Amino acid sequence: MSRALVDWLGFKRDYIYFNANARMDGKAGYGTLKLIKLALSGFVSLSLVPLKIAGYLGIVIVIFSGSLGLFIFIEKYVLGDPWNMGFSYPSILAVINLFLIGVVLSCLGLIALYIANIHREVINRPMYVIRSKK
């Protein structure tokens, strides 16, 4: 977390390259599972990407299912099923259900962005950092 906060502050930085010696005794306290949990925790707590993914996925589902539903409606009810596709009522219900799931995911993404903005306000980080006083 501290590395991400240093990036957030915007200080100048440089890299120090080194070769770590092999561990003499014992074994590492952080195994693969703990490192994955740490990475996910840092990704979720310092990024809006997971919140935006739900919203974008919802928009994609709404566009896809809306287009499919419009096609089914026109093909079955307006044109009278000229291509003999034979859409059954359960399949129409599935498309409607998929559309509503997309709407819910889109709303979830929008609410998540509001919550992220609220979170950003209440974590009490300074609005700016003074690099030097003259």
N, C-alpha and C. Protein backbone atom coordinates (compact mmCIF):
# COMPACT_ATOMS: atom_id res chain seq x y z
N MET A 1 0.81 -1.19 0.00
CA MET A 1 0.00 0.00 0.00
C MET A 1 0.86 1.26 0.00
N SER A 2 1.97 1.21 0.69
CA SER A 2 2.80 2.41 0.79
C SER A 2 3.39 2.79 -0.56
N ARG A 3 3.68 1.82 -1.41
CA ARG A 3 4.22 2.16 -2.73
C ARG A 3 3.18 2.92 -3.55
N ALA A 4 1.93 2.49 -3.45
CA ALA A 4 0.88 3.19 -4.19
C ALA A 4 0.66 4.59 -3.64
N LEU A 5 0.77 4.76 -2.33
CA LEU A 5 0.59 6.08 -1.75
C LEU A 5 1.74 7.02 -2.12
N VAL A 6 2.95 6.50 -2.26
CA VAL A 6 4.07 7.32 -2.70
C VAL A 6 3.82 7.77 -4.14
N ASP A 7 3.32 6.90 -4.98
CA ASP A 7 2.97 7.30 -6.34
C ASP A 7 1.88 8.36 -6.33
N TRP A 8 0.90 8.19 -5.43
CA TRP A 8 -0.20 9.13 -5.33
C TRP A 8 0.30 10.52 -4.93
N LEU A 9 1.30 10.59 -4.05
CA LEU A 9 1.82 11.87 -3.61
C LEU A 9 2.57 12.61 -4.71
N GLY A 10 3.14 11.87 -5.65
CA GLY A 10 3.79 12.49 -6.78
C GLY A 10 5.23 12.91 -6.55
N PHE A 11 5.88 12.35 -5.55
CA PHE A 11 7.28 12.68 -5.31
C PHE A 11 8.15 12.15 -6.44
N LYS A 12 9.29 12.78 -6.61
CA LYS A 12 10.27 12.26 -7.56
C LYS A 12 10.81 10.97 -6.99
N ARG A 13 11.10 10.04 -7.87
CA ARG A 13 11.60 8.76 -7.38
C ARG A 13 12.61 8.20 -8.37
N ASP A 14 13.37 7.27 -7.87
CA ASP A 14 14.35 6.59 -8.69
C ASP A 14 14.39 5.15 -8.25
N TYR A 15 14.91 4.31 -9.08
CA TYR A 15 14.96 2.89 -8.78
C TYR A 15 16.37 2.48 -8.38
N ILE A 16 16.44 1.60 -7.42
CA ILE A 16 17.72 1.04 -6.99
C ILE A 16 17.67 -0.44 -7.32
N TYR A 17 18.52 -0.85 -8.19
CA TYR A 17 18.56 -2.26 -8.60
C TYR A 17 19.56 -3.01 -7.72
N PHE A 18 19.16 -4.18 -7.28
CA PHE A 18 20.05 -4.98 -6.44
C PHE A 18 19.68 -6.44 -6.63
N ASN A 19 20.61 -7.30 -6.26
CA ASN A 19 20.39 -8.74 -6.27
C ASN A 19 20.27 -9.20 -4.82
N ALA A 20 19.16 -9.79 -4.50
CA ALA A 20 18.95 -10.27 -3.13
C ALA A 20 19.63 -11.63 -2.96
N ASN A 21 20.29 -11.79 -1.84
CA ASN A 21 20.92 -13.08 -1.55
C ASN A 21 19.85 -14.11 -1.22
N ALA A 22 20.21 -15.35 -1.39
CA ALA A 22 19.28 -16.43 -1.06
C ALA A 22 19.05 -16.47 0.45
N ARG A 23 17.87 -16.87 0.84
CA ARG A 23 17.52 -16.96 2.27
C ARG A 23 18.34 -18.08 2.90
N MET A 24 18.99 -17.76 4.01
CA MET A 24 19.86 -18.74 4.67
C MET A 24 19.05 -19.74 5.51
N ASP A 25 18.10 -19.22 6.29
CA ASP A 25 17.32 -20.08 7.19
C ASP A 25 15.84 -19.78 7.03
N GLY A 26 15.02 -20.78 7.29
CA GLY A 26 13.57 -20.61 7.29
C GLY A 26 13.00 -20.49 5.90
N LYS A 27 11.75 -20.11 5.87
CA LYS A 27 11.11 -19.91 4.57
C LYS A 27 10.31 -18.62 4.60
N ALA A 28 9.93 -18.15 3.45
CA ALA A 28 9.22 -16.88 3.35
C ALA A 28 7.86 -16.98 4.04
N GLY A 29 7.49 -15.90 4.74
CA GLY A 29 6.21 -15.87 5.44
C GLY A 29 5.04 -15.64 4.50
N TYR A 30 5.28 -15.02 3.37
CA TYR A 30 4.23 -14.76 2.40
C TYR A 30 4.32 -15.79 1.29
N GLY A 31 3.36 -16.68 1.29
CA GLY A 31 3.27 -17.66 0.22
C GLY A 31 2.55 -17.07 -0.98
N THR A 32 2.31 -17.88 -1.97
CA THR A 32 1.67 -17.42 -3.19
C THR A 32 0.26 -16.92 -2.93
N LEU A 33 -0.51 -17.62 -2.12
CA LEU A 33 -1.88 -17.22 -1.83
C LEU A 33 -1.93 -15.87 -1.10
N LYS A 34 -1.03 -15.67 -0.14
CA LYS A 34 -1.00 -14.40 0.58
C LYS A 34 -0.60 -13.25 -0.34
N LEU A 35 0.34 -13.50 -1.26
CA LEU A 35 0.75 -12.47 -2.20
C LEU A 35 -0.39 -12.11 -3.16
N ILE A 36 -1.16 -13.10 -3.58
CA ILE A 36 -2.31 -12.84 -4.45
C ILE A 36 -3.36 -12.02 -3.71
N LYS A 37 -3.62 -12.38 -2.45
CA LYS A 37 -4.58 -11.61 -1.64
C LYS A 37 -4.11 -10.18 -1.45
N LEU A 38 -2.82 -9.98 -1.22
CA LEU A 38 -2.27 -8.64 -1.05
C LEU A 38 -2.41 -7.83 -2.34
N ALA A 39 -2.12 -8.47 -3.47
CA ALA A 39 -2.25 -7.78 -4.75
C ALA A 39 -3.70 -7.39 -5.02
N LEU A 40 -4.63 -8.31 -4.77
CA LEU A 40 -6.04 -8.00 -4.97
C LEU A 40 -6.52 -6.90 -4.04
N SER A 41 -6.05 -6.93 -2.80
CA SER A 41 -6.43 -5.90 -1.85
C SER A 41 -5.94 -4.53 -2.30
N GLY A 42 -4.70 -4.44 -2.74
CA GLY A 42 -4.17 -3.18 -3.24
C GLY A 42 -4.88 -2.71 -4.50
N PHE A 43 -5.21 -3.65 -5.38
CA PHE A 43 -5.88 -3.30 -6.64
C PHE A 43 -7.28 -2.78 -6.37
N VAL A 44 -8.00 -3.42 -5.47
CA VAL A 44 -9.38 -3.03 -5.19
C VAL A 44 -9.43 -1.74 -4.38
N SER A 45 -8.50 -1.56 -3.43
CA SER A 45 -8.58 -0.39 -2.57
C SER A 45 -8.04 0.88 -3.22
N LEU A 46 -7.19 0.78 -4.21
CA LEU A 46 -6.57 1.96 -4.79
C LEU A 46 -6.93 2.19 -6.25
N SER A 47 -7.93 1.45 -6.76
CA SER A 47 -8.27 1.57 -8.17
C SER A 47 -9.78 1.57 -8.35
N LEU A 48 -10.24 2.30 -9.32
CA LEU A 48 -11.65 2.30 -9.67
C LEU A 48 -11.99 1.30 -10.76
N VAL A 49 -10.99 0.61 -11.28
CA VAL A 49 -11.20 -0.31 -12.39
C VAL A 49 -12.21 -1.40 -12.06
N PRO A 50 -12.13 -2.08 -10.90
CA PRO A 50 -13.14 -3.11 -10.63
C PRO A 50 -14.56 -2.56 -10.56
N LEU A 51 -14.69 -1.32 -10.09
CA LEU A 51 -16.01 -0.72 -10.04
C LEU A 51 -16.53 -0.39 -11.43
N LYS A 52 -15.65 0.07 -12.27
CA LYS A 52 -16.05 0.43 -13.62
C LYS A 52 -16.35 -0.80 -14.47
N ILE A 53 -15.69 -1.92 -14.19
CA ILE A 53 -15.91 -3.14 -14.97
C ILE A 53 -17.36 -3.59 -14.89
N ALA A 54 -17.96 -3.52 -13.71
CA ALA A 54 -19.36 -3.93 -13.54
C ALA A 54 -20.26 -3.05 -14.40
N GLY A 55 -20.03 -1.76 -14.39
CA GLY A 55 -20.85 -0.85 -15.19
C GLY A 55 -20.68 -1.08 -16.68
N TYR A 56 -19.44 -1.24 -17.12
CA TYR A 56 -19.20 -1.47 -18.55
C TYR A 56 -19.77 -2.82 -19.00
N LEU A 57 -19.63 -3.83 -18.16
CA LEU A 57 -20.21 -5.13 -18.49
C LEU A 57 -21.73 -5.03 -18.59
N GLY A 58 -22.34 -4.26 -17.69
CA GLY A 58 -23.78 -4.05 -17.75
C GLY A 58 -24.20 -3.36 -19.04
N ILE A 59 -23.44 -2.36 -19.45
CA ILE A 59 -23.76 -1.64 -20.69
C ILE A 59 -23.65 -2.57 -21.89
N VAL A 60 -22.61 -3.40 -21.92
CA VAL A 60 -22.44 -4.35 -23.03
C VAL A 60 -23.60 -5.34 -23.06
N ILE A 61 -24.00 -5.84 -21.88
CA ILE A 61 -25.12 -6.79 -21.82
C ILE A 61 -26.42 -6.13 -22.26
N VAL A 62 -26.65 -4.88 -21.86
CA VAL A 62 -27.86 -4.18 -22.26
C VAL A 62 -27.89 -3.98 -23.77
N ILE A 63 -26.78 -3.59 -24.36
CA ILE A 63 -26.73 -3.39 -25.81
C ILE A 63 -26.96 -4.71 -26.55
N PHE A 64 -26.27 -5.76 -26.10
CA PHE A 64 -26.40 -7.06 -26.76
C PHE A 64 -27.82 -7.61 -26.63
N SER A 65 -28.34 -7.65 -25.41
CA SER A 65 -29.67 -8.24 -25.21
C SER A 65 -30.77 -7.35 -25.79
N GLY A 66 -30.57 -6.03 -25.77
CA GLY A 66 -31.55 -5.14 -26.39
C GLY A 66 -31.62 -5.34 -27.89
N SER A 67 -30.45 -5.48 -28.52
CA SER A 67 -30.41 -5.74 -29.96
C SER A 67 -31.05 -7.09 -30.29
N LEU A 68 -30.72 -8.09 -29.49
CA LEU A 68 -31.29 -9.42 -29.72
C LEU A 68 -32.80 -9.41 -29.49
N GLY A 69 -33.25 -8.73 -28.45
CA GLY A 69 -34.69 -8.64 -28.19
C GLY A 69 -35.42 -7.91 -29.29
N LEU A 70 -34.84 -6.83 -29.79
CA LEU A 70 -35.44 -6.10 -30.91
C LEU A 70 -35.52 -6.97 -32.15
N PHE A 71 -34.45 -7.72 -32.41
CA PHE A 71 -34.45 -8.63 -33.56
C PHE A 71 -35.54 -9.69 -33.40
N ILE A 72 -35.64 -10.28 -32.22
CA ILE A 72 -36.66 -11.31 -31.99
C ILE A 72 -38.06 -10.73 -32.16
N PHE A 73 -38.29 -9.53 -31.61
CA PHE A 73 -39.61 -8.91 -31.71
C PHE A 73 -39.98 -8.65 -33.17
N ILE A 74 -39.04 -8.06 -33.92
CA ILE A 74 -39.33 -7.75 -35.32
C ILE A 74 -39.51 -9.03 -36.13
N GLU A 75 -38.65 -10.01 -35.90
CA GLU A 75 -38.72 -11.25 -36.69
C GLU A 75 -39.99 -12.04 -36.38
N LYS A 76 -40.39 -12.08 -35.13
CA LYS A 76 -41.52 -12.93 -34.74
C LYS A 76 -42.86 -12.24 -34.90
N TYR A 77 -42.94 -10.98 -34.46
CA TYR A 77 -44.25 -10.33 -34.40
C TYR A 77 -44.52 -9.36 -35.55
N VAL A 78 -43.51 -8.69 -36.06
CA VAL A 78 -43.73 -7.74 -37.14
C VAL A 78 -43.71 -8.44 -38.49
N LEU A 79 -42.67 -9.25 -38.71
CA LEU A 79 -42.53 -9.93 -40.00
C LEU A 79 -43.27 -11.27 -40.05
N GLY A 80 -43.70 -11.79 -38.92
CA GLY A 80 -44.44 -13.06 -38.90
C GLY A 80 -43.57 -14.29 -39.06
N ASP A 81 -42.35 -14.26 -38.58
CA ASP A 81 -41.41 -15.39 -38.60
C ASP A 81 -41.13 -15.92 -40.01
N PRO A 82 -40.63 -15.04 -40.91
CA PRO A 82 -40.39 -15.49 -42.29
C PRO A 82 -39.21 -16.45 -42.42
N TRP A 83 -38.27 -16.40 -41.48
CA TRP A 83 -37.09 -17.26 -41.56
C TRP A 83 -37.26 -18.54 -40.76
N ASN A 84 -38.43 -18.76 -40.20
CA ASN A 84 -38.74 -19.97 -39.41
C ASN A 84 -37.72 -20.20 -38.29
N MET A 85 -37.38 -19.15 -37.58
CA MET A 85 -36.45 -19.29 -36.47
C MET A 85 -37.15 -19.89 -35.25
N GLY A 86 -38.42 -19.66 -35.12
CA GLY A 86 -39.21 -20.29 -34.07
C GLY A 86 -38.74 -19.97 -32.66
N PHE A 87 -38.60 -18.70 -32.34
CA PHE A 87 -38.21 -18.33 -30.98
C PHE A 87 -39.33 -18.70 -30.03
N SER A 88 -39.00 -19.49 -29.03
CA SER A 88 -40.00 -19.92 -28.05
C SER A 88 -40.14 -18.85 -26.97
N TYR A 89 -41.20 -18.98 -26.19
CA TYR A 89 -41.41 -18.01 -25.12
C TYR A 89 -40.34 -18.10 -24.03
N PRO A 90 -39.84 -19.28 -23.68
CA PRO A 90 -38.73 -19.29 -22.71
C PRO A 90 -37.48 -18.57 -23.22
N SER A 91 -37.21 -18.64 -24.51
CA SER A 91 -36.03 -17.93 -25.03
C SER A 91 -36.26 -16.42 -25.00
N ILE A 92 -37.48 -15.98 -25.27
CA ILE A 92 -37.80 -14.56 -25.17
C ILE A 92 -37.67 -14.10 -23.72
N LEU A 93 -38.15 -14.93 -22.80
CA LEU A 93 -38.04 -14.62 -21.38
C LEU A 93 -36.57 -14.54 -20.95
N ALA A 94 -35.73 -15.42 -21.50
CA ALA A 94 -34.30 -15.40 -21.18
C ALA A 94 -33.65 -14.09 -21.66
N VAL A 95 -34.04 -13.62 -22.84
CA VAL A 95 -33.49 -12.37 -23.35
C VAL A 95 -33.94 -11.19 -22.49
N ILE A 96 -35.21 -11.19 -22.08
CA ILE A 96 -35.70 -10.13 -21.19
C ILE A 96 -34.95 -10.16 -19.86
N ASN A 97 -34.74 -11.37 -19.33
CA ASN A 97 -34.00 -11.52 -18.08
C ASN A 97 -32.56 -11.02 -18.23
N LEU A 98 -31.93 -11.34 -19.34
CA LEU A 98 -30.56 -10.88 -19.59
C LEU A 98 -30.52 -9.36 -19.69
N PHE A 99 -31.51 -8.77 -20.32
CA PHE A 99 -31.59 -7.32 -20.43
C PHE A 99 -31.69 -6.68 -19.04
N LEU A 100 -32.55 -7.23 -18.20
CA LEU A 100 -32.73 -6.67 -16.86
C LEU A 100 -31.47 -6.86 -16.00
N ILE A 101 -30.77 -7.97 -16.18
CA ILE A 101 -29.50 -8.16 -15.48
C ILE A 101 -28.49 -7.10 -15.91
N GLY A 102 -28.47 -6.78 -17.20
CA GLY A 102 -27.58 -5.72 -17.69
C GLY A 102 -27.92 -4.37 -17.11
N VAL A 103 -29.23 -4.09 -16.97
CA VAL A 103 -29.65 -2.83 -16.36
C VAL A 103 -29.19 -2.76 -14.90
N VAL A 104 -29.36 -3.87 -14.19
CA VAL A 104 -28.94 -3.90 -12.78
C VAL A 104 -27.43 -3.72 -12.66
N LEU A 105 -26.66 -4.37 -13.52
CA LEU A 105 -25.20 -4.21 -13.47
C LEU A 105 -24.78 -2.78 -13.81
N SER A 106 -25.45 -2.17 -14.77
CA SER A 106 -25.15 -0.77 -15.11
C SER A 106 -25.42 0.14 -13.92
N CYS A 107 -26.55 -0.08 -13.28
CA CYS A 107 -26.88 0.73 -12.09
C CYS A 107 -25.89 0.46 -10.96
N LEU A 108 -25.47 -0.80 -10.82
CA LEU A 108 -24.48 -1.13 -9.80
C LEU A 108 -23.16 -0.41 -10.07
N GLY A 109 -22.75 -0.35 -11.32
CA GLY A 109 -21.53 0.38 -11.66
C GLY A 109 -21.66 1.86 -11.37
N LEU A 110 -22.83 2.45 -11.65
CA LEU A 110 -23.05 3.86 -11.37
C LEU A 110 -23.03 4.13 -9.87
N ILE A 111 -23.70 3.29 -9.10
CA ILE A 111 -23.70 3.45 -7.64
C ILE A 111 -22.29 3.26 -7.08
N ALA A 112 -21.55 2.32 -7.65
CA ALA A 112 -20.19 2.09 -7.18
C ALA A 112 -19.31 3.30 -7.43
N LEU A 113 -19.52 4.01 -8.53
CA LEU A 113 -18.74 5.22 -8.78
C LEU A 113 -19.09 6.32 -7.78
N TYR A 114 -20.36 6.42 -7.42
CA TYR A 114 -20.74 7.38 -6.39
C TYR A 114 -20.07 7.03 -5.06
N ILE A 115 -20.09 5.76 -4.71
CA ILE A 115 -19.47 5.33 -3.46
C ILE A 115 -17.96 5.58 -3.50
N ALA A 116 -17.34 5.39 -4.65
CA ALA A 116 -15.91 5.66 -4.77
C ALA A 116 -15.60 7.13 -4.56
N ASN A 117 -16.46 8.01 -5.08
CA ASN A 117 -16.25 9.44 -4.86
C ASN A 117 -16.43 9.81 -3.40
N ILE A 118 -17.42 9.21 -2.75
CA ILE A 118 -17.61 9.45 -1.32
C ILE A 118 -16.39 8.94 -0.54
N HIS A 119 -15.89 7.77 -0.91
CA HIS A 119 -14.73 7.19 -0.23
C HIS A 119 -13.52 8.10 -0.39
N ARG A 120 -13.35 8.63 -1.57
CA ARG A 120 -12.21 9.52 -1.82
C ARG A 120 -12.29 10.76 -0.93
N GLU A 121 -13.50 11.24 -0.66
CA GLU A 121 -13.66 12.42 0.18
C GLU A 121 -13.42 12.13 1.66
N VAL A 122 -13.79 10.95 2.12
CA VAL A 122 -13.74 10.69 3.56
C VAL A 122 -12.44 10.07 4.04
N ILE A 123 -11.53 9.68 3.13
CA ILE A 123 -10.29 9.08 3.61
C ILE A 123 -9.33 10.11 4.17
N ASN A 124 -9.68 11.38 4.02
CA ASN A 124 -8.97 12.46 4.69
C ASN A 124 -7.52 12.61 4.24
N ARG A 125 -7.26 12.35 2.98
CA ARG A 125 -5.94 12.65 2.44
C ARG A 125 -5.89 14.13 2.12
N PRO A 126 -4.71 14.72 2.19
CA PRO A 126 -4.62 16.15 1.90
C PRO A 126 -4.94 16.44 0.44
N MET A 127 -5.48 17.63 0.20
CA MET A 127 -5.81 18.02 -1.17
C MET A 127 -4.54 18.20 -2.00
N TYR A 128 -3.46 18.62 -1.35
CA TYR A 128 -2.19 18.81 -2.05
C TYR A 128 -1.07 18.62 -1.05
N VAL A 129 0.13 18.43 -1.57
CA VAL A 129 1.32 18.24 -0.75
C VAL A 129 2.32 19.31 -1.15
N ILE A 130 2.85 20.02 -0.17
CA ILE A 130 3.84 21.06 -0.45
C ILE A 130 5.19 20.42 -0.56
N ARG A 131 5.82 20.56 -1.71
CA ARG A 131 7.11 19.94 -1.93
C ARG A 131 8.20 20.65 -1.16
N SER A 132 8.19 21.98 -1.17
CA SER A 132 9.20 22.71 -0.40
C SER A 132 8.64 24.09 -0.07
N LYS A 133 9.10 24.61 1.07
CA LYS A 133 8.73 25.96 1.48
C LYS A 133 9.93 26.86 1.25
N LYS A 134 9.69 28.02 0.67
CA LYS A 134 10.80 28.95 0.42
C LYS A 134 10.69 30.13 1.32
